[in-house]
Protein backbone atom coordinates (compact mmCIF):
# COMPACT_ATOMS: atom_id res chain seq x y z
CA MET A 1 64.18 190.13 118.52
CA HIS A 2 66.13 192.36 116.12
CA THR A 3 66.27 195.18 118.67
CA GLU A 4 67.73 192.89 121.33
CA GLU A 5 70.36 191.56 118.92
CA THR A 6 71.32 195.10 117.89
CA PHE A 7 71.63 196.12 121.53
CA ILE A 8 73.82 193.12 122.39
CA LYS A 9 76.04 193.76 119.37
CA GLN A 10 76.48 197.45 120.22
CA ALA A 11 76.96 196.80 123.95
CA SER A 12 79.62 194.15 123.30
CA ASP A 13 81.62 196.75 121.35
CA LEU A 14 81.41 199.29 124.17
CA GLU A 15 84.35 200.08 126.42
CA LEU A 16 83.58 202.06 129.55
CA ILE A 17 86.30 203.58 131.68
CA CYS A 18 85.34 205.35 134.93
CA PRO A 19 88.43 207.04 136.33
CA SER A 20 88.30 208.33 139.87
CA PHE A 21 89.68 211.83 140.38
CA THR A 22 91.03 212.21 143.91
CA ASP A 23 93.44 215.17 143.67
CA TYR A 24 90.88 217.52 145.23
CA GLY A 25 87.19 217.70 145.95
CA LYS A 26 84.25 219.97 146.61
CA LYS A 27 85.82 221.63 149.67
CA PHE A 28 88.68 222.91 147.53
CA ILE A 29 86.30 224.13 144.81
CA ARG A 30 84.03 225.83 147.35
CA SER A 31 87.05 227.59 148.88
CA PHE A 32 87.02 229.69 145.68
CA LYS A 33 83.30 230.42 146.18
CA LEU A 34 82.35 228.18 143.26
CA HIS A 35 79.66 225.52 143.16
CA PRO A 36 81.10 222.07 142.29
CA ASP A 37 78.44 221.50 139.61
CA SER A 38 79.27 224.81 137.91
CA TYR A 39 82.97 223.96 138.07
CA VAL A 40 82.41 220.62 136.33
CA GLN A 41 80.07 222.17 133.74
CA ASN A 42 82.72 224.74 132.85
CA ALA A 43 85.41 222.04 132.70
CA VAL A 44 83.24 220.04 130.28
CA GLN A 45 82.63 223.16 128.18
CA LEU A 46 86.34 223.99 128.09
CA ALA A 47 87.33 220.44 127.11
CA TYR A 48 84.68 220.28 124.37
CA PHE A 49 85.57 223.75 123.09
CA ARG A 50 89.25 222.79 123.00
CA LEU A 51 88.52 219.62 121.00
CA HIS A 52 85.83 220.91 118.63
CA GLY A 53 86.29 224.69 118.51
CA LYS A 54 82.68 225.30 119.49
CA PRO A 55 80.63 225.09 122.69
CA ALA A 56 79.06 221.82 123.77
CA PRO A 57 75.27 221.62 123.48
CA THR A 58 74.70 220.95 127.19
CA HIS A 59 71.55 221.29 129.25
CA GLU A 60 70.94 220.85 132.98
CA PRO A 61 67.75 220.02 134.84
CA ALA A 62 66.42 222.82 137.02
CA THR A 63 64.04 221.78 139.78
CA LEU A 64 61.02 223.97 140.32
CA ARG A 65 60.19 222.84 143.86
CA GLN A 66 57.38 225.32 144.41
CA TYR A 67 55.40 223.90 141.50
CA TYR A 68 53.05 220.96 141.86
CA HIS A 69 54.99 217.66 142.01
CA GLY A 70 58.34 219.51 141.76
CA ARG A 71 58.37 219.97 138.01
CA THR A 72 61.73 220.24 136.25
CA GLU A 73 62.81 222.42 133.37
CA THR A 74 66.02 222.41 131.39
CA VAL A 75 68.51 225.24 131.52
CA ARG A 76 71.09 225.80 128.82
CA ALA A 77 74.42 225.58 130.64
CA CYS A 78 76.33 227.23 127.81
CA THR A 79 76.10 231.02 127.84
CA MET A 80 78.05 233.70 126.00
CA GLU A 81 80.00 234.24 129.23
CA VAL A 82 81.08 230.59 129.17
CA VAL A 83 82.06 230.84 125.49
CA ASN A 84 84.10 234.00 126.16
CA TRP A 85 85.75 232.31 129.15
CA CYS A 86 86.67 229.26 127.02
CA LYS A 87 88.15 231.50 124.33
CA ALA A 88 90.17 233.41 126.94
CA MET A 89 91.40 230.21 128.59
CA LEU A 90 92.68 228.91 125.25
CA ASP A 91 94.24 232.22 124.16
CA ASN A 92 97.88 232.36 125.27
CA THR A 93 97.90 236.15 124.91
CA VAL A 94 95.23 236.64 127.61
CA PRO A 95 96.78 236.98 131.09
CA VAL A 96 95.60 234.45 133.70
CA CYS A 97 94.29 237.26 135.91
CA CYS A 98 91.90 238.31 133.12
CA CYS A 99 90.55 234.76 132.72
CA SER A 100 89.49 234.68 136.36
CA LEU A 101 87.57 237.94 135.87
CA LEU A 102 85.39 236.26 133.26
CA ASP A 103 83.62 233.85 135.64
C-alpha cells in the first residue's frame, strides 16, 4: 500500500502542460531536406545545451526490421557534430551561414 500512497502523493503534485505548436509542421521542415524527428532532436539538444551548458543524454530507438521479431536497439542521438552545432548556434560571433553548414 505504501507504493500506491507514494504514487498518489507524487502524482497530485504534478502539473502537466501540453502546448500545441501550430506555426509550421513537417512539410516546412522537409522543405529544407530535414527529417522532422532529427529537427526535434536537435531542438531538444539545443535547448538543453543552452540551459545546462552540456549535451542532453538522449537516446532513440532504432528498429532493426530485418531481425527476428523486429528487434530494437538504442542509438545515441547526441554526437560531436550536434555538440559543435549547439556551440555554434549559441556563439554570437559565428555567422548564421556557418551554423547551417554544421548540420
